[in-house]
Structure formats: structure tokens, C-alpha cells
Amino acid sequence: MAKVQITQTRSMIKRPETQQRTMVALGLGKINKAVEVELTPQIAGMISKVNHLITVKEL
């Protein structure tokens, strides 16, 4: 599986609860925090739900 780096670029304030929980599940929570994860179908789905709050970079 390919690895991707996910960086939070926007705040979670005033976002729906489901989006906030998705961000926490990805390991994010503060602006400019970055995590490296393997790109599984589950992670890809989570990325698509909050793509307006994050940036994704392939490694």
C-alpha cells in the first residue's frame, strides 16, 4: 500500500460532529499537524469526507 501524509490546514470549529470525529480518527486535531498513514480504502473514504480541511501528499 502507498503511504500518504495528511496535514490539517483548517479548523474543526463549527464543523459537523461527524467531520470532527473523522478528523480525530485520522489522528488530527490541531492546525498544521501532520500524520503519515497507509492509503487503504477506509482511509481514502475518510479523506474524501474532510478534504476541505486537509491537504494530502503522496510519499
PDB file of N, CA and C in Angstrom:
ATOM      1  N   MET A   1       0.824  -1.189   0.000  1.00  0.00           N
ATOM      2  CA  MET A   1       0.000   0.000   0.000  1.00  0.00           C
ATOM      3  C   MET A   1       0.871   1.257   0.000  1.00  0.00           C
ATOM      4  N   ALA A   2       0.370   2.281  -0.644  1.00  0.00           N
ATOM      5  CA  ALA A   2       1.076   3.551  -0.690  1.00  0.00           C
ATOM      6  C   ALA A   2       0.860   4.307   0.616  1.00  0.00           C
ATOM      7  N   LYS A   3       1.838   5.124   0.979  1.00  0.00           N
ATOM      8  CA  LYS A   3       1.708   5.951   2.175  1.00  0.00           C
ATOM      9  C   LYS A   3       1.390   7.373   1.740  1.00  0.00           C
ATOM     10  N   VAL A   4       0.605   8.059   2.569  1.00  0.00           N
ATOM     11  CA  VAL A   4       0.273   9.455   2.320  1.00  0.00           C
ATOM     12  C   VAL A   4       0.496  10.254   3.592  1.00  0.00           C
ATOM     13  N   GLN A   5       0.797  11.524   3.407  1.00  0.00           N
ATOM     14  CA  GLN A   5       0.935  12.440   4.533  1.00  0.00           C
ATOM     15  C   GLN A   5      -0.291  13.343   4.516  1.00  0.00           C
ATOM     16  N   ILE A   6      -1.004  13.369   5.628  1.00  0.00           N
ATOM     17  CA  ILE A   6      -2.205  14.184   5.753  1.00  0.00           C
ATOM     18  C   ILE A   6      -1.906  15.309   6.730  1.00  0.00           C
ATOM     19  N   THR A   7      -2.142  16.550   6.300  1.00  0.00           N
ATOM     20  CA  THR A   7      -1.894  17.721   7.132  1.00  0.00           C
ATOM     21  C   THR A   7      -3.193  18.487   7.298  1.00  0.00           C
ATOM     22  N   GLN A   8      -3.531  18.822   8.530  1.00  0.00           N
ATOM     23  CA  GLN A   8      -4.727  19.621   8.780  1.00  0.00           C
ATOM     24  C   GLN A   8      -4.411  21.075   8.472  1.00  0.00           C
ATOM     25  N   THR A   9      -5.236  21.708   7.628  1.00  0.00           N
ATOM     26  CA  THR A   9      -4.992  23.087   7.231  1.00  0.00           C
ATOM     27  C   THR A   9      -6.070  24.041   7.712  1.00  0.00           C
ATOM     28  N   ARG A  10      -7.225  23.516   8.107  1.00  0.00           N
ATOM     29  CA  ARG A  10      -8.313  24.375   8.564  1.00  0.00           C
ATOM     30  C   ARG A  10      -8.844  23.882   9.895  1.00  0.00           C
ATOM     31  N   SER A  11      -9.502  24.765  10.607  1.00  0.00           N
ATOM     32  CA  SER A  11     -10.012  24.466  11.941  1.00  0.00           C
ATOM     33  C   SER A  11     -11.244  23.565  11.883  1.00  0.00           C
ATOM     34  N   MET A  12     -11.476  22.836  12.982  1.00  0.00           N
ATOM     35  CA  MET A  12     -12.655  21.982  13.105  1.00  0.00           C
ATOM     36  C   MET A  12     -13.796  22.699  13.818  1.00  0.00           C
ATOM     37  N   ILE A  13     -13.597  23.952  14.201  1.00  0.00           N
ATOM     38  CA  ILE A  13     -14.636  24.706  14.893  1.00  0.00           C
ATOM     39  C   ILE A  13     -15.826  24.910  13.949  1.00  0.00           C
ATOM     40  N   LYS A  14     -17.023  24.723  14.482  1.00  0.00           N
ATOM     41  CA  LYS A  14     -18.290  24.875  13.757  1.00  0.00           C
ATOM     42  C   LYS A  14     -18.418  23.896  12.602  1.00  0.00           C
ATOM     43  N   ARG A  15     -17.818  22.732  12.727  1.00  0.00           N
ATOM     44  CA  ARG A  15     -17.976  21.669  11.743  1.00  0.00           C
ATOM     45  C   ARG A  15     -18.922  20.628  12.317  1.00  0.00           C
ATOM     46  N   PRO A  16     -19.598  19.867  11.463  1.00  0.00           N
ATOM     47  CA  PRO A  16     -20.486  18.815  11.969  1.00  0.00           C
ATOM     48  C   PRO A  16     -19.723  17.788  12.810  1.00  0.00           C
ATOM     49  N   GLU A  17     -20.434  17.176  13.742  1.00  0.00           N
ATOM     50  CA  GLU A  17     -19.831  16.207  14.654  1.00  0.00           C
ATOM     51  C   GLU A  17     -19.176  15.052  13.896  1.00  0.00           C
ATOM     52  N   THR A  18     -19.787  14.624  12.795  1.00  0.00           N
ATOM     53  CA  THR A  18     -19.217  13.504  12.047  1.00  0.00           C
ATOM     54  C   THR A  18     -17.864  13.868  11.453  1.00  0.00           C
ATOM     55  N   GLN A  19     -17.718  15.102  10.977  1.00  0.00           N
ATOM     56  CA  GLN A  19     -16.432  15.535  10.434  1.00  0.00           C
ATOM     57  C   GLN A  19     -15.393  15.655  11.544  1.00  0.00           C
ATOM     58  N   GLN A  20     -15.794  16.130  12.707  1.00  0.00           N
ATOM     59  CA  GLN A  20     -14.855  16.236  13.818  1.00  0.00           C
ATOM     60  C   GLN A  20     -14.372  14.854  14.243  1.00  0.00           C
ATOM     61  N   ARG A  21     -15.265  13.888  14.300  1.00  0.00           N
ATOM     62  CA  ARG A  21     -14.876  12.536  14.683  1.00  0.00           C
ATOM     63  C   ARG A  21     -13.970  11.899  13.638  1.00  0.00           C
ATOM     64  N   THR A  22     -14.214  12.207  12.375  1.00  0.00           N
ATOM     65  CA  THR A  22     -13.358  11.686  11.311  1.00  0.00           C
ATOM     66  C   THR A  22     -11.950  12.241  11.441  1.00  0.00           C
ATOM     67  N   MET A  23     -11.827  13.524  11.747  1.00  0.00           N
ATOM     68  CA  MET A  23     -10.510  14.139  11.917  1.00  0.00           C
ATOM     69  C   MET A  23      -9.764  13.503  13.083  1.00  0.00           C
ATOM     70  N   VAL A  24     -10.453  13.265  14.183  1.00  0.00           N
ATOM     71  CA  VAL A  24      -9.822  12.634  15.346  1.00  0.00           C
ATOM     72  C   VAL A  24      -9.402  11.208  14.991  1.00  0.00           C
ATOM     73  N   ALA A  25     -10.233  10.499  14.231  1.00  0.00           N
ATOM     74  CA  ALA A  25      -9.903   9.130  13.831  1.00  0.00           C
ATOM     75  C   ALA A  25      -8.677   9.098  12.925  1.00  0.00           C
ATOM     76  N   LEU A  26      -8.467  10.161  12.152  1.00  0.00           N
ATOM     77  CA  LEU A  26      -7.279  10.245  11.308  1.00  0.00           C
ATOM     78  C   LEU A  26      -6.036  10.621  12.118  1.00  0.00           C
ATOM     79  N   GLY A  27      -6.219  11.039  13.356  1.00  0.00           N
ATOM     80  CA  GLY A  27      -5.087  11.410  14.197  1.00  0.00           C
ATOM     81  C   GLY A  27      -4.789  12.893  14.163  1.00  0.00           C
ATOM     82  N   LEU A  28      -5.741  13.688  13.695  1.00  0.00           N
ATOM     83  CA  LEU A  28      -5.545  15.127  13.596  1.00  0.00           C
ATOM     84  C   LEU A  28      -6.354  15.834  14.665  1.00  0.00           C
ATOM     85  N   GLY A  29      -6.123  17.116  14.843  1.00  0.00           N
ATOM     86  CA  GLY A  29      -6.864  17.858  15.850  1.00  0.00           C
ATOM     87  C   GLY A  29      -6.404  19.298  15.970  1.00  0.00           C
ATOM     88  N   LYS A  30      -5.206  19.569  15.511  1.00  0.00           N
ATOM     89  CA  LYS A  30      -4.687  20.931  15.553  1.00  0.00           C
ATOM     90  C   LYS A  30      -4.195  21.309  14.166  1.00  0.00           C
ATOM     91  N   ILE A  31      -4.290  22.580  13.854  1.00  0.00           N
ATOM     92  CA  ILE A  31      -3.861  23.064  12.543  1.00  0.00           C
ATOM     93  C   ILE A  31      -2.363  22.837  12.390  1.00  0.00           C
ATOM     94  N   ASN A  32      -1.949  22.422  11.223  1.00  0.00           N
ATOM     95  CA  ASN A  32      -0.574  22.115  10.820  1.00  0.00           C
ATOM     96  C   ASN A  32      -0.058  20.799  11.381  1.00  0.00           C
ATOM     97  N   LYS A  33      -0.882  20.022  12.050  1.00  0.00           N
ATOM     98  CA  LYS A  33      -0.461  18.696  12.493  1.00  0.00           C
ATOM     99  C   LYS A  33      -0.497  17.762  11.296  1.00  0.00           C
ATOM    100  N   ALA A  34       0.516  16.926  11.171  1.00  0.00           N
ATOM    101  CA  ALA A  34       0.606  16.013  10.041  1.00  0.00           C
ATOM    102  C   ALA A  34       0.773  14.588  10.539  1.00  0.00           C
ATOM    103  N   VAL A  35       0.175  13.646   9.816  1.00  0.00           N
ATOM    104  CA  VAL A  35       0.309  12.230  10.120  1.00  0.00           C
ATOM    105  C   VAL A  35       0.605  11.489   8.821  1.00  0.00           C
ATOM    106  N   GLU A  36       1.327  10.383   8.942  1.00  0.00           N
ATOM    107  CA  GLU A  36       1.600   9.518   7.794  1.00  0.00           C
ATOM    108  C   GLU A  36       0.832   8.225   7.994  1.00  0.00           C
ATOM    109  N   VAL A  37       0.012   7.870   7.019  1.00  0.00           N
ATOM    110  CA  VAL A  37      -0.793   6.659   7.105  1.00  0.00           C
ATOM    111  C   VAL A  37      -0.731   5.922   5.774  1.00  0.00           C
ATOM    112  N   GLU A  38      -1.055   4.643   5.804  1.00  0.00           N
ATOM    113  CA  GLU A  38      -1.156   3.876   4.572  1.00  0.00           C
ATOM    114  C   GLU A  38      -2.500   4.162   3.928  1.00  0.00           C
ATOM    115  N   LEU A  39      -2.519   4.258   2.622  1.00  0.00           N
ATOM    116  CA  LEU A  39      -3.721   4.618   1.890  1.00  0.00           C
ATOM    117  C   LEU A  39      -4.564   3.372   1.635  1.00  0.00           C
ATOM    118  N   THR A  40      -5.411   3.043   2.597  1.00  0.00           N
ATOM    119  CA  THR A  40      -6.351   1.938   2.461  1.00  0.00           C
ATOM    120  C   THR A  40      -7.681   2.504   1.968  1.00  0.00           C
ATOM    121  N   PRO A  41      -8.591   1.664   1.522  1.00  0.00           N
ATOM    122  CA  PRO A  41      -9.903   2.174   1.102  1.00  0.00           C
ATOM    123  C   PRO A  41     -10.634   2.920   2.225  1.00  0.00           C
ATOM    124  N   GLN A  42     -10.444   2.487   3.465  1.00  0.00           N
ATOM    125  CA  GLN A  42     -11.096   3.162   4.581  1.00  0.00           C
ATOM    126  C   GLN A  42     -10.536   4.564   4.773  1.00  0.00           C
ATOM    127  N   ILE A  43      -9.219   4.686   4.715  1.00  0.00           N
ATOM    128  CA  ILE A  43      -8.584   5.995   4.866  1.00  0.00           C
ATOM    129  C   ILE A  43      -8.959   6.905   3.698  1.00  0.00           C
ATOM    130  N   ALA A  44      -9.023   6.352   2.494  1.00  0.00           N
ATOM    131  CA  ALA A  44      -9.407   7.149   1.328  1.00  0.00           C
ATOM    132  C   ALA A  44     -10.810   7.713   1.486  1.00  0.00           C
ATOM    133  N   GLY A  45     -11.712   6.931   2.049  1.00  0.00           N
ATOM    134  CA  GLY A  45     -13.069   7.412   2.301  1.00  0.00           C
ATOM    135  C   GLY A  45     -13.090   8.520   3.333  1.00  0.00           C
ATOM    136  N   MET A  46     -12.279   8.378   4.375  1.00  0.00           N
ATOM    137  CA  MET A  46     -12.209   9.412   5.408  1.00  0.00           C
ATOM    138  C   MET A  46     -11.632  10.703   4.831  1.00  0.00           C
ATOM    139  N   ILE A  47     -10.627  10.570   3.975  1.00  0.00           N
ATOM    140  CA  ILE A  47     -10.021  11.741   3.338  1.00  0.00           C
ATOM    141  C   ILE A  47     -11.045  12.472   2.488  1.00  0.00           C
ATOM    142  N   SER A  48     -11.867  11.729   1.760  1.00  0.00           N
ATOM    143  CA  SER A  48     -12.849  12.371   0.883  1.00  0.00           C
ATOM    144  C   SER A  48     -13.920  13.111   1.674  1.00  0.00           C
ATOM    145  N   LYS A  49     -14.209  12.673   2.892  1.00  0.00           N
ATOM    146  CA  LYS A  49     -15.224  13.330   3.711  1.00  0.00           C
ATOM    147  C   LYS A  49     -14.748  14.657   4.292  1.00  0.00           C
ATOM    148  N   VAL A  50     -13.446  14.792   4.523  1.00  0.00           N
ATOM    149  CA  VAL A  50     -12.922  16.019   5.144  1.00  0.00           C
ATOM    150  C   VAL A  50     -11.854  16.675   4.270  1.00  0.00           C
ATOM    151  N   ASN A  51     -11.942  16.488   2.954  1.00  0.00           N
ATOM    152  CA  ASN A  51     -10.892  17.004   2.078  1.00  0.00           C
ATOM    153  C   ASN A  51     -10.819  18.529   2.052  1.00  0.00           C
ATOM    154  N   HIS A  52     -11.856  19.221   2.516  1.00  0.00           N
ATOM    155  CA  HIS A  52     -11.825  20.679   2.566  1.00  0.00           C
ATOM    156  C   HIS A  52     -11.079  21.191   3.797  1.00  0.00           C
ATOM    157  N   LEU A  53     -10.712  20.291   4.715  1.00  0.00           N
ATOM    158  CA  LEU A  53      -9.999  20.683   5.931  1.00  0.00           C
ATOM    159  C   LEU A  53      -8.547  20.254   5.932  1.00  0.00           C
ATOM    160  N   ILE A  54      -8.135  19.442   4.954  1.00  0.00           N
ATOM    161  CA  ILE A  54      -6.802  18.851   4.971  1.00  0.00           C
ATOM    162  C   ILE A  54      -6.129  19.008   3.616  1.00  0.00           C
ATOM    163  N   THR A  55      -4.820  18.749   3.612  1.00  0.00           N
ATOM    164  CA  THR A  55      -4.083  18.578   2.362  1.00  0.00           C
ATOM    165  C   THR A  55      -3.433  17.204   2.418  1.00  0.00           C
ATOM    166  N   VAL A  56      -3.375  16.554   1.261  1.00  0.00           N
ATOM    167  CA  VAL A  56      -2.844  15.198   1.179  1.00  0.00           C
ATOM    168  C   VAL A  56      -1.662  15.194   0.229  1.00  0.00           C
ATOM    169  N   LYS A  57      -0.586  14.538   0.664  1.00  0.00           N
ATOM    170  CA  LYS A  57       0.635  14.449  -0.148  1.00  0.00           C
ATOM    171  C   LYS A  57       1.070  13.000  -0.180  1.00  0.00           C
ATOM    172  N   GLU A  58       1.305  12.477  -1.370  1.00  0.00           N
ATOM    173  CA  GLU A  58       1.775  11.096  -1.509  1.00  0.00           C
ATOM    174  C   GLU A  58       3.254  11.008  -1.195  1.00  0.00           C
ATOM    175  N   LEU A  59       3.649   9.945  -0.524  1.00  0.00           N
ATOM    176  CA  LEU A  59       5.060   9.747  -0.178  1.00  0.00           C
ATOM    177  C   LEU A  59       5.675   8.656  -1.027  1.00  0.00           C
TER     178      LEU A  59
END
